[in-house]
């Protein structure tokens, strides 16, 4: 019935030679919740050629068949920092040669990885011991461990405040770390499991997914207080997050509704939703290509194109091995790095490198 109402509304506008306004489009989208949200246009799926081209793959030293998690890039040293959760190891990989520079351990159950460039330190979220590991990249070793609550996961660095924000997912909390002292200076508690945080250097705010409540929280790093909370409906289970700082957009992975939601950071609302493959987890944005990549552990990377702040298109679901939870994008080369725990259905421990296609 909702679909019929939507079609009738669209036909009514066309019959009198009008194009729906943003507010009128809002009514149409509410009539059919499976359509894109108001104020944005979602284009048709499909692309002219392969979305990604594999250009390299290489093994990493950890045990095969064990899960990987977050990746991040150290642009200063041209390193890829890769968390091998099941192995309890952090790999430091030279992006020019694809060689392992160092394997840092133990980092038990490592999930989140965040690099602080001015201090040459990496912070790891070590789930299996509920601690935040502090890695000195000049020494390639763990120099401190900070006790946290339950299942530290994604993290974000607020560079203007010299603070790191770590989501204690099952602890329903956000730990705030002073990176100069390597001390947890505050813990914020919520009524929801905490998903991925991100730092907005323009607004100077931390954004946090409250995934049980389908809510987007805003934290002021100056006071470490929650400024606001906004609904991300129709997104359900907002866990992953990436930002388009220039265009004031957040891309949210909706785990329970298998969607990617586009959230307007200034108007504080979802303006578009697009379907993803089952099992979406980590999302990354390449501003140079206007592409959004979502790692889906059903065996795909869902790829989208942002043509402008209000127009989005799903390019397709690029097939990869199953159980791929994460990826990273090198913003200089536009290469995509994907860790795989299996190959052809057999246990593996490897990194696959792709270049963007058409």
Protein backbone atom coordinates (compact mmCIF):
# COMPACT_ATOMS: atom_id res chain seq x y z
CA UNK A 1 0.00 0.00 0.00
CA UNK A 2 2.85 2.38 0.80
CA UNK A 3 4.33 1.80 -2.65
CA UNK A 4 0.97 2.51 -4.33
CA UNK A 5 0.61 5.75 -2.40
CA UNK A 6 4.12 6.78 -3.45
CA UNK A 7 3.43 6.05 -7.14
CA UNK A 8 0.14 7.95 -7.06
CA UNK A 9 1.81 10.97 -5.52
CA UNK A 10 4.52 10.95 -8.17
CA UNK A 11 1.96 10.62 -10.98
CA UNK A 12 -0.03 13.51 -9.57
CA UNK A 13 3.00 15.80 -9.74
CA UNK A 14 3.90 14.68 -13.25
CA UNK A 15 0.34 15.17 -14.53
CA UNK A 16 0.48 18.87 -13.78
CA UNK A 17 4.03 19.26 -15.09
CA UNK A 18 5.78 19.80 -11.74
CA UNK A 19 8.86 18.33 -10.13
CA UNK A 20 8.42 17.60 -6.42
CA UNK A 21 10.15 20.04 -4.05
CA UNK A 22 12.28 18.81 -1.17
CA UNK A 23 9.33 19.06 1.24
CA UNK A 24 7.00 17.33 -1.21
CA UNK A 25 9.61 14.64 -1.79
CA UNK A 26 9.69 14.19 1.97
CA UNK A 27 6.01 13.25 1.91
CA UNK A 28 6.60 10.81 -0.93
CA UNK A 29 9.50 9.13 0.90
CA UNK A 30 7.55 8.83 4.12
CA UNK A 31 4.81 7.10 2.12
CA UNK A 32 7.38 4.52 1.02
CA UNK A 33 10.10 3.95 3.62
CA UNK A 34 12.15 1.83 1.22
CA UNK A 35 12.93 4.87 -0.94
CA UNK A 36 15.71 7.39 -0.41
CA UNK A 37 15.19 9.99 2.30
CA UNK A 38 14.28 13.60 1.39
CA UNK A 39 16.65 16.23 0.00
CA UNK A 40 18.82 13.76 -1.87
CA UNK A 41 18.64 11.82 -5.11
CA UNK A 42 19.63 8.19 -5.40
CA UNK A 43 20.63 7.14 -8.90
CA UNK A 44 20.41 3.74 -10.55
CA UNK A 45 22.85 0.95 -9.79
CA UNK A 46 25.43 -0.26 -12.25
CA UNK A 47 28.77 0.79 -13.74
CA UNK A 48 30.42 0.48 -17.15
CA UNK A 49 33.29 -1.79 -16.12
CA UNK A 50 34.86 -3.56 -13.13
CA UNK A 51 34.55 -1.44 -10.00
CA UNK A 52 37.91 -2.64 -8.64
CA UNK A 53 40.97 -4.29 -10.21
CA UNK A 54 43.15 -6.57 -8.08
CA UNK A 55 46.78 -5.53 -8.52
CA UNK A 56 48.49 -7.42 -5.68
CA UNK A 57 48.01 -9.80 -2.78
CA UNK A 58 50.41 -10.93 -0.10
CA UNK A 59 50.39 -13.09 3.00
CA UNK A 60 50.76 -11.71 6.49
CA UNK A 61 52.56 -13.67 9.22
CA UNK A 62 49.62 -14.43 11.53
CA UNK A 63 47.67 -17.70 11.72
CA UNK A 64 45.30 -18.45 8.86
CA UNK A 65 41.55 -18.31 9.24
CA UNK A 66 41.56 -15.71 12.01
CA UNK A 67 39.51 -12.51 11.82
CA UNK A 68 40.93 -9.12 10.89
CA UNK A 69 39.48 -5.79 11.97
CA UNK A 70 40.23 -2.10 11.45
CA UNK A 71 42.93 -0.74 9.15
CA UNK A 72 44.31 2.77 9.05
CA UNK A 73 47.04 4.56 7.12
CA UNK A 74 50.03 6.44 8.48
CA UNK A 75 50.57 8.96 5.68
CA UNK A 76 53.79 10.30 7.21
CA UNK A 77 55.66 7.01 6.93
CA UNK A 78 53.53 5.51 4.15
CA UNK A 79 52.47 2.62 6.37
CA UNK A 80 49.33 0.56 6.44
CA UNK A 81 48.44 -0.38 10.02
CA UNK A 82 46.36 -3.57 10.08
CA UNK A 83 44.66 -5.18 13.09
CA UNK A 84 44.62 -8.99 13.05
CA UNK A 85 42.04 -9.50 15.76
CA UNK A 86 42.16 -13.29 15.95
CA UNK A 87 45.97 -13.33 16.05
CA UNK A 88 46.39 -10.48 18.56
CA UNK A 89 48.86 -8.77 16.22
CA UNK A 90 49.27 -5.37 14.57
CA UNK A 91 50.99 -5.36 11.19
CA UNK A 92 52.97 -2.36 9.99
CA UNK A 93 53.08 -2.64 6.19
CA UNK A 94 55.08 -0.52 3.73
CA UNK A 95 52.59 0.74 1.15
CA UNK A 96 55.27 1.12 -1.53
CA UNK A 97 56.59 -2.42 -1.35
CA UNK A 98 53.71 -4.33 0.36
CA UNK A 99 56.27 -5.73 2.78
CA UNK A 100 55.75 -6.26 6.50
CA UNK A 101 57.95 -3.74 8.33
CA UNK A 102 57.04 -5.03 11.79
CA UNK A 103 54.59 -7.24 13.64
CA UNK A 104 53.65 -5.69 16.98
CA UNK A 105 52.35 -8.03 19.68
CA UNK A 106 50.78 -8.86 21.96
CA UNK A 107 47.69 -6.75 21.33
CA UNK A 108 45.06 -9.34 22.34
CA UNK A 109 41.88 -9.17 20.29
CA UNK A 110 42.92 -5.92 18.60
CA UNK A 111 40.00 -4.16 16.92
CA UNK A 112 40.37 -0.38 16.58
CA UNK A 113 43.59 1.24 15.34
CA UNK A 114 44.19 4.99 15.50
CA UNK A 115 47.37 6.84 14.55
CA UNK A 116 48.52 10.05 16.27
CA UNK A 117 51.03 11.54 13.82
CA UNK A 118 52.67 14.22 15.96
CA UNK A 119 53.55 11.67 18.65
CA UNK A 120 54.35 8.74 16.33
CA UNK A 121 52.02 6.57 18.41
CA UNK A 122 49.30 4.09 17.52
CA UNK A 123 46.43 3.28 19.86
CA UNK A 124 44.94 -0.21 19.65
CA UNK A 125 41.59 -1.31 21.08
CA UNK A 126 42.44 -4.68 22.61
CA UNK A 127 39.15 -6.44 23.23
CA UNK A 128 40.48 -9.67 24.77
CA UNK A 129 42.05 -7.86 27.70
CA UNK A 130 39.73 -4.80 27.70
CA UNK A 131 42.62 -2.39 27.38
CA UNK A 132 43.84 0.33 25.05
CA UNK A 133 47.35 -0.44 23.85
CA UNK A 134 49.81 2.40 23.19
CA UNK A 135 52.34 1.54 20.48
CA UNK A 136 55.48 3.60 19.92
CA UNK A 137 56.05 3.44 16.16
CA UNK A 138 59.67 4.51 16.50
CA UNK A 139 60.30 1.41 18.63
CA UNK A 140 57.59 -0.82 17.13
CA UNK A 141 56.44 -1.98 20.54
CA UNK A 142 53.68 -1.52 23.12
CA UNK A 143 54.73 1.01 25.74
CA UNK A 144 51.56 1.29 27.82
CA UNK A 145 48.18 -0.38 28.40
CA UNK A 146 45.16 1.55 29.64
CA UNK A 147 42.38 -0.38 31.36
CA UNK A 148 38.96 0.31 29.89
CA UNK A 149 35.47 -1.14 30.34
CA UNK A 150 34.06 -3.81 28.00
CA UNK A 151 35.06 -4.53 24.38
CA UNK A 152 36.97 -1.46 23.20
CA UNK A 153 36.33 -1.10 19.47
CA UNK A 154 36.43 1.85 17.06
CA UNK A 155 38.31 5.03 17.90
CA UNK A 156 38.86 8.58 16.67
CA UNK A 157 41.52 11.21 17.35
CA UNK A 158 40.47 14.81 18.04
CA UNK A 159 43.74 16.42 16.98
CA UNK A 160 42.79 19.95 18.09
CA UNK A 161 42.30 18.71 21.65
CA UNK A 162 44.99 16.00 21.82
CA UNK A 163 42.35 13.50 22.87
CA UNK A 164 41.50 10.02 21.68
CA UNK A 165 37.92 8.71 21.86
CA UNK A 166 37.50 4.94 22.14
CA UNK A 167 34.13 3.20 21.99
CA UNK A 168 33.66 0.55 24.70
CA UNK A 169 31.00 -1.14 22.64
CA UNK A 170 29.56 -3.60 25.17
CA UNK A 171 30.36 -1.32 28.08
CA UNK A 172 28.03 1.27 26.51
CA UNK A 173 30.70 3.88 27.05
CA UNK A 174 33.23 6.18 25.40
CA UNK A 175 36.71 6.44 26.94
CA UNK A 176 38.54 9.76 26.56
CA UNK A 177 42.35 9.50 26.49
CA UNK A 178 44.83 12.34 26.95
CA UNK A 179 47.44 11.31 24.38
CA UNK A 180 50.19 13.44 25.91
CA UNK A 181 49.84 11.66 29.26
CA UNK A 182 48.45 8.36 27.99
CA UNK A 183 45.76 8.47 30.63
CA UNK A 184 42.00 7.97 30.48
CA UNK A 185 40.69 11.29 31.78
CA UNK A 186 36.96 10.66 31.45
CA UNK A 187 34.47 7.97 30.51
CA UNK A 188 31.09 8.89 29.07
CA UNK A 189 28.25 6.41 29.63
CA UNK A 190 25.24 5.84 27.40
CA UNK A 191 22.05 3.78 27.27
CA UNK A 192 23.26 2.04 24.11
CA UNK A 193 26.19 0.10 22.76
CA UNK A 194 28.63 2.53 21.16
CA UNK A 195 29.62 2.19 17.51
CA UNK A 196 32.26 4.00 15.49
CA UNK A 197 33.20 7.58 16.48
CA UNK A 198 34.63 10.19 14.10
CA UNK A 199 36.18 13.63 14.59
CA UNK A 200 35.01 16.65 12.58
CA UNK A 201 37.90 19.15 12.41
CA UNK A 202 35.65 21.87 10.94
CA UNK A 203 32.97 21.84 13.64
CA UNK A 204 35.52 20.58 16.20
CA UNK A 205 33.12 17.90 17.40
CA UNK A 206 33.15 14.14 17.95
CA UNK A 207 30.29 12.18 16.40
CA UNK A 208 29.30 8.83 17.89
CA UNK A 209 26.96 6.07 16.74
CA UNK A 210 24.58 4.84 19.45
CA UNK A 211 23.69 1.68 17.62
CA UNK A 212 21.00 0.23 19.91
CA UNK A 213 19.02 3.48 19.79
CA UNK A 214 19.49 4.34 16.09
CA UNK A 215 20.90 7.64 17.29
CA UNK A 216 23.77 9.95 16.31
CA UNK A 217 25.38 11.62 19.33
CA UNK A 218 27.47 14.80 19.28
CA UNK A 219 30.25 15.27 21.85
CA UNK A 220 32.05 18.54 22.56
CA UNK A 221 35.75 17.69 23.11
CA UNK A 222 36.30 21.00 24.92
CA UNK A 223 34.11 19.82 27.80
CA UNK A 224 33.64 16.12 27.01
CA UNK A 225 29.90 16.49 27.32
CA UNK A 226 27.14 15.32 25.00
CA UNK A 227 25.74 18.33 23.13
CA UNK A 228 22.96 16.64 21.20
CA UNK A 229 21.44 13.39 19.97
CA UNK A 230 19.68 12.95 16.63
CA UNK A 231 17.61 10.15 15.16
CA UNK A 232 19.02 8.36 12.12
CA UNK A 233 15.71 6.72 11.18
CA UNK A 234 15.18 4.71 8.97
CA UNK A 235 18.73 3.44 9.60
CA UNK A 236 18.71 0.58 12.11
CA UNK A 237 21.83 -0.43 14.02
CA UNK A 238 24.15 2.39 12.96
CA UNK A 239 27.63 1.03 13.63
CA UNK A 240 30.19 2.07 10.99
CA UNK A 241 30.84 5.73 10.14
CA UNK A 242 32.90 7.75 7.67
CA UNK A 243 32.84 11.51 7.05
CA UNK A 244 32.86 13.78 4.01
CA UNK A 245 34.09 16.85 5.86
CA UNK A 246 33.93 19.24 2.90
CA UNK A 247 30.35 18.44 1.98
CA UNK A 248 29.16 18.01 5.59
CA UNK A 249 28.02 14.43 5.26
CA UNK A 250 28.35 11.32 7.41
CA UNK A 251 28.04 7.85 5.89
CA UNK A 252 26.54 5.39 8.37
CA UNK A 253 26.44 1.60 8.06
CA UNK A 254 23.07 0.33 9.27
CA UNK A 255 23.78 -3.25 10.36
CA UNK A 256 20.20 -4.23 11.17
CA UNK A 257 18.56 -2.79 8.05
CA UNK A 258 21.36 -3.49 5.53
CA UNK A 259 21.61 0.11 4.43
CA UNK A 260 24.08 2.92 4.10
CA UNK A 261 22.53 6.14 5.39
CA UNK A 262 23.74 9.60 4.39
CA UNK A 263 23.42 12.00 7.34
CA UNK A 264 23.51 15.79 6.93
CA UNK A 265 25.89 17.11 9.61
CA UNK A 266 24.41 20.63 9.52
CA UNK A 267 20.70 19.82 9.32
CA UNK A 268 21.06 16.78 11.58
CA UNK A 269 18.99 14.30 9.60
CA UNK A 270 19.25 11.40 7.21
CA UNK A 271 18.90 12.61 3.62
CA UNK A 272 19.35 9.33 1.73
CA UNK A 273 19.49 5.58 2.28
CA UNK A 274 20.94 3.02 -0.11
CA UNK A 275 21.01 -0.80 0.08
CA UNK A 276 24.20 -2.67 0.96
CA UNK A 277 25.10 -6.35 0.86
CA UNK A 278 24.43 -8.38 4.01
CA UNK A 279 26.77 -7.89 6.94
CA UNK A 280 28.02 -4.33 6.50
CA UNK A 281 30.72 -3.28 8.96
CA UNK A 282 33.51 -0.78 8.20
CA UNK A 283 32.90 2.12 5.78
CA UNK A 284 35.52 4.38 4.15
CA UNK A 285 35.23 7.47 1.96
CA UNK A 286 37.60 8.51 -0.84
CA UNK A 287 36.96 12.24 -1.41
CA UNK A 288 39.18 12.32 -4.49
CA UNK A 289 36.95 9.87 -6.34
CA UNK A 290 33.76 10.65 -4.45
CA UNK A 291 33.46 6.96 -3.61
CA UNK A 292 32.12 5.24 -0.51
CA UNK A 293 33.19 1.66 0.25
CA UNK A 294 31.40 -0.62 2.73
CA UNK A 295 33.02 -3.94 3.74
CA UNK A 296 30.32 -6.61 4.02
CA UNK A 297 31.19 -9.97 5.56
CA UNK A 298 28.69 -11.83 3.37
CA UNK A 299 31.37 -11.53 0.67
CA UNK A 300 31.10 -8.12 -0.97
CA UNK A 301 32.23 -4.52 -0.92
CA UNK A 302 29.25 -2.26 -1.56
CA UNK A 303 30.44 0.75 -3.57
CA UNK A 304 28.68 4.10 -3.97
CA UNK A 305 29.31 7.35 -5.84
CA UNK A 306 28.68 10.81 -4.41
CA UNK A 307 28.30 13.07 -7.44
CA UNK A 308 27.51 16.08 -5.26
CA UNK A 309 26.28 16.55 -1.66
CA UNK A 310 22.70 15.66 -2.60
CA UNK A 311 23.14 13.01 -5.29
CA UNK A 312 24.25 9.44 -4.62
CA UNK A 313 24.42 6.31 -6.72
CA UNK A 314 25.08 2.70 -5.89
CA UNK A 315 27.69 1.40 -8.31
CA UNK A 316 27.40 -2.21 -7.23
CA UNK A 317 28.43 -4.99 -4.85
CA UNK A 318 31.98 -6.03 -5.74
CA UNK A 319 32.55 -9.72 -4.82
CA UNK A 320 35.31 -10.57 -2.35
CA UNK A 321 35.92 -13.46 0.02
CA UNK A 322 33.42 -14.01 2.81
CA UNK A 323 34.13 -12.68 6.32
CA UNK A 324 35.72 -9.44 5.09
CA UNK A 325 34.90 -6.95 7.84
CA UNK A 326 37.23 -4.08 7.04
CA UNK A 327 39.16 -2.14 4.44
CA UNK A 328 41.30 0.97 4.04
CA UNK A 329 41.67 3.53 1.26
CA UNK A 330 44.96 5.22 0.42
CA UNK A 331 43.82 8.74 -0.43
CA UNK A 332 46.99 9.43 -2.43
CA UNK A 333 46.78 6.46 -4.79
CA UNK A 334 43.06 5.62 -4.34
CA UNK A 335 44.06 2.01 -3.74
CA UNK A 336 41.81 -0.13 -1.56
CA UNK A 337 43.34 -2.58 0.94
CA UNK A 338 41.23 -5.57 2.00
CA UNK A 339 42.31 -8.16 4.61
CA UNK A 340 41.07 -11.71 4.02
CA UNK A 341 40.86 -14.61 6.46
CA UNK A 342 39.99 -17.11 3.75
CA UNK A 343 40.73 -17.69 0.06
CA UNK A 344 38.60 -19.96 -2.08
CA UNK A 345 36.85 -21.12 1.06
CA UNK A 346 40.13 -22.20 2.71
CA UNK A 347 41.78 -20.50 5.72
CA UNK A 348 44.13 -17.66 4.76
CA UNK A 349 45.86 -14.62 6.22
CA UNK A 350 46.47 -12.14 3.45
CA UNK A 351 46.02 -8.59 2.21
CA UNK A 352 44.56 -7.88 -1.22
CA UNK A 353 45.22 -4.59 -3.00
CA UNK A 354 42.82 -3.08 -5.52
CA UNK A 355 42.82 -0.11 -7.83
CA UNK A 356 39.60 1.72 -8.57
CA UNK A 357 37.95 0.82 -11.86
CA UNK A 358 35.24 2.60 -13.81
